[in-house]
Amino acid sequence: MRWHRFPKSPVFPAGHKWEIEKRKGGYESDVTALVRSMLEDDTIREDQRAAWERWRNEAGSKSGS
């Protein structure tokens, strides 16, 4: 796949604060809670899905070289 086919990564205003709520009933680190809350945003989830697809496709094409 070509790089220009992927959407631009989302940009958030400086000082943007994420709502972080740790899971109840067990340990969850601050970082895990932050990432989980960020992935609730559709634009971030789509950006990360596209990045994973790009990485997976490039990694597969390099092994055949």
N, C-alpha and C. Protein backbone atom coordinates (compact mmCIF):
# COMPACT_ATOMS: atom_id res chain seq x y z
N MET A 1 0.85 -1.19 0.00
CA MET A 1 0.00 0.00 0.00
C MET A 1 0.88 1.24 0.00
N ARG A 2 0.37 2.26 -0.56
CA ARG A 2 1.10 3.52 -0.62
C ARG A 2 0.78 4.38 0.60
N TRP A 3 1.76 5.15 1.04
CA TRP A 3 1.59 6.00 2.22
C TRP A 3 0.52 7.06 2.01
N HIS A 4 0.37 7.57 0.81
CA HIS A 4 -0.58 8.65 0.58
C HIS A 4 -2.04 8.18 0.66
N ARG A 5 -2.29 6.90 0.71
CA ARG A 5 -3.65 6.38 0.80
C ARG A 5 -4.18 6.37 2.24
N PHE A 6 -3.33 6.57 3.20
CA PHE A 6 -3.75 6.54 4.58
C PHE A 6 -4.22 7.91 5.04
N PRO A 7 -5.23 7.95 5.91
CA PRO A 7 -5.71 9.24 6.42
C PRO A 7 -4.66 9.89 7.31
N LYS A 8 -4.73 11.20 7.42
CA LYS A 8 -3.80 11.91 8.30
C LYS A 8 -4.14 11.58 9.75
N SER A 9 -3.12 11.51 10.58
CA SER A 9 -3.32 11.24 12.00
C SER A 9 -4.09 12.40 12.63
N PRO A 10 -4.92 12.09 13.62
CA PRO A 10 -5.67 13.16 14.29
C PRO A 10 -4.75 14.09 15.05
N VAL A 11 -5.11 15.36 15.10
CA VAL A 11 -4.35 16.37 15.83
C VAL A 11 -5.29 16.96 16.89
N PHE A 12 -4.83 17.00 18.11
CA PHE A 12 -5.62 17.52 19.21
C PHE A 12 -5.02 18.82 19.71
N PRO A 13 -5.84 19.72 20.22
CA PRO A 13 -5.32 21.01 20.69
C PRO A 13 -4.34 20.83 21.86
N ALA A 14 -3.38 21.73 21.93
CA ALA A 14 -2.42 21.70 23.04
C ALA A 14 -3.16 21.77 24.36
N GLY A 15 -2.73 21.00 25.30
CA GLY A 15 -3.36 20.99 26.62
C GLY A 15 -4.59 20.12 26.72
N HIS A 16 -4.88 19.34 25.67
CA HIS A 16 -6.04 18.46 25.69
C HIS A 16 -5.88 17.43 26.81
N LYS A 17 -6.87 17.26 27.62
CA LYS A 17 -6.82 16.30 28.73
C LYS A 17 -7.77 15.15 28.43
N TRP A 18 -7.31 13.95 28.65
CA TRP A 18 -8.12 12.75 28.42
C TRP A 18 -8.82 12.38 29.71
N GLU A 19 -10.07 11.97 29.58
CA GLU A 19 -10.81 11.46 30.73
C GLU A 19 -10.32 10.04 31.00
N ILE A 20 -9.71 9.86 32.16
CA ILE A 20 -9.17 8.55 32.50
C ILE A 20 -9.94 7.98 33.67
N GLU A 21 -10.50 6.80 33.46
CA GLU A 21 -11.20 6.10 34.53
C GLU A 21 -10.68 4.68 34.56
N LYS A 22 -10.02 4.33 35.64
CA LYS A 22 -9.47 2.99 35.76
C LYS A 22 -10.59 1.98 35.97
N ARG A 23 -10.35 0.77 35.51
CA ARG A 23 -11.32 -0.30 35.69
C ARG A 23 -11.42 -0.66 37.16
N LYS A 24 -12.60 -1.01 37.56
CA LYS A 24 -12.84 -1.40 38.96
C LYS A 24 -12.59 -2.90 39.13
N GLY A 25 -12.25 -3.29 40.33
CA GLY A 25 -12.14 -4.71 40.65
C GLY A 25 -10.82 -5.37 40.28
N GLY A 26 -9.82 -4.59 39.93
CA GLY A 26 -8.52 -5.16 39.59
C GLY A 26 -7.53 -4.06 39.30
N TYR A 27 -6.27 -4.42 39.18
CA TYR A 27 -5.24 -3.44 38.91
C TYR A 27 -5.24 -3.04 37.45
N GLU A 28 -5.12 -1.75 37.21
CA GLU A 28 -4.91 -1.22 35.87
C GLU A 28 -3.98 -0.02 36.01
N SER A 29 -2.91 -0.01 35.23
CA SER A 29 -1.96 1.09 35.33
C SER A 29 -2.55 2.35 34.72
N ASP A 30 -1.96 3.49 35.06
CA ASP A 30 -2.40 4.77 34.49
C ASP A 30 -2.24 4.77 32.98
N VAL A 31 -1.14 4.20 32.50
CA VAL A 31 -0.87 4.18 31.06
C VAL A 31 -1.92 3.33 30.33
N THR A 32 -2.23 2.17 30.88
CA THR A 32 -3.23 1.31 30.25
C THR A 32 -4.59 2.00 30.22
N ALA A 33 -4.95 2.66 31.31
CA ALA A 33 -6.22 3.38 31.37
C ALA A 33 -6.24 4.52 30.35
N LEU A 34 -5.11 5.21 30.19
CA LEU A 34 -5.03 6.29 29.22
C LEU A 34 -5.20 5.77 27.79
N VAL A 35 -4.47 4.72 27.45
CA VAL A 35 -4.56 4.16 26.10
C VAL A 35 -5.97 3.65 25.83
N ARG A 36 -6.56 2.97 26.79
CA ARG A 36 -7.92 2.47 26.62
C ARG A 36 -8.89 3.62 26.38
N SER A 37 -8.73 4.72 27.13
CA SER A 37 -9.63 5.86 26.94
C SER A 37 -9.39 6.56 25.60
N MET A 38 -8.14 6.58 25.15
CA MET A 38 -7.84 7.20 23.86
C MET A 38 -8.47 6.39 22.72
N LEU A 39 -8.46 5.07 22.84
CA LEU A 39 -9.01 4.22 21.78
C LEU A 39 -10.54 4.29 21.71
N GLU A 40 -11.16 4.91 22.69
CA GLU A 40 -12.60 5.13 22.62
C GLU A 40 -12.93 6.23 21.61
N ASP A 41 -11.93 7.04 21.24
CA ASP A 41 -12.11 8.08 20.23
C ASP A 41 -11.99 7.42 18.86
N ASP A 42 -13.03 7.55 18.04
CA ASP A 42 -13.07 6.88 16.73
C ASP A 42 -11.91 7.27 15.83
N THR A 43 -11.49 8.55 15.86
CA THR A 43 -10.40 8.98 14.97
C THR A 43 -9.08 8.33 15.37
N ILE A 44 -8.83 8.18 16.65
CA ILE A 44 -7.60 7.53 17.11
C ILE A 44 -7.65 6.04 16.79
N ARG A 45 -8.78 5.43 17.04
CA ARG A 45 -8.92 3.99 16.76
C ARG A 45 -8.66 3.72 15.28
N GLU A 46 -9.22 4.53 14.39
CA GLU A 46 -9.03 4.34 12.95
C GLU A 46 -7.57 4.59 12.57
N ASP A 47 -6.94 5.61 13.16
CA ASP A 47 -5.54 5.90 12.89
C ASP A 47 -4.65 4.72 13.29
N GLN A 48 -4.92 4.14 14.45
CA GLN A 48 -4.12 3.03 14.92
C GLN A 48 -4.37 1.77 14.09
N ARG A 49 -5.60 1.58 13.64
CA ARG A 49 -5.89 0.44 12.77
C ARG A 49 -5.12 0.57 11.46
N ALA A 50 -5.12 1.77 10.89
CA ALA A 50 -4.39 2.01 9.64
C ALA A 50 -2.89 1.82 9.84
N ALA A 51 -2.36 2.27 10.97
CA ALA A 51 -0.93 2.10 11.25
C ALA A 51 -0.58 0.62 11.38
N TRP A 52 -1.44 -0.15 12.03
CA TRP A 52 -1.21 -1.59 12.17
C TRP A 52 -1.22 -2.26 10.80
N GLU A 53 -2.19 -1.92 9.96
CA GLU A 53 -2.27 -2.49 8.62
C GLU A 53 -1.03 -2.15 7.81
N ARG A 54 -0.58 -0.91 7.89
CA ARG A 54 0.61 -0.47 7.17
C ARG A 54 1.83 -1.26 7.65
N TRP A 55 1.99 -1.39 8.98
CA TRP A 55 3.13 -2.12 9.53
C TRP A 55 3.09 -3.58 9.13
N ARG A 56 1.90 -4.18 9.24
CA ARG A 56 1.76 -5.60 8.92
C ARG A 56 2.08 -5.86 7.45
N ASN A 57 1.59 -5.00 6.55
CA ASN A 57 1.83 -5.20 5.13
C ASN A 57 3.28 -4.96 4.75
N GLU A 58 3.92 -3.97 5.37
CA GLU A 58 5.33 -3.70 5.06
C GLU A 58 6.22 -4.78 5.62
N ALA A 59 5.91 -5.28 6.82
CA ALA A 59 6.72 -6.33 7.43
C ALA A 59 6.68 -7.60 6.58
N GLY A 60 5.52 -7.91 6.03
CA GLY A 60 5.38 -9.11 5.18
C GLY A 60 6.12 -8.98 3.86
N SER A 61 6.15 -7.78 3.30
CA SER A 61 6.82 -7.60 2.01
C SER A 61 8.33 -7.60 2.16
N LYS A 62 8.86 -7.22 3.32
CA LYS A 62 10.31 -7.20 3.52
C LYS A 62 10.87 -8.61 3.70
N SER A 63 10.09 -9.51 4.27
CA SER A 63 10.61 -10.87 4.52
C SER A 63 10.84 -11.63 3.23
N GLY A 64 10.15 -11.24 2.15
CA GLY A 64 10.34 -11.90 0.87
C GLY A 64 11.49 -11.35 0.07
N SER A 65 12.15 -10.31 0.55
CA SER A 65 13.25 -9.68 -0.21
C SER A 65 14.53 -10.46 -0.08
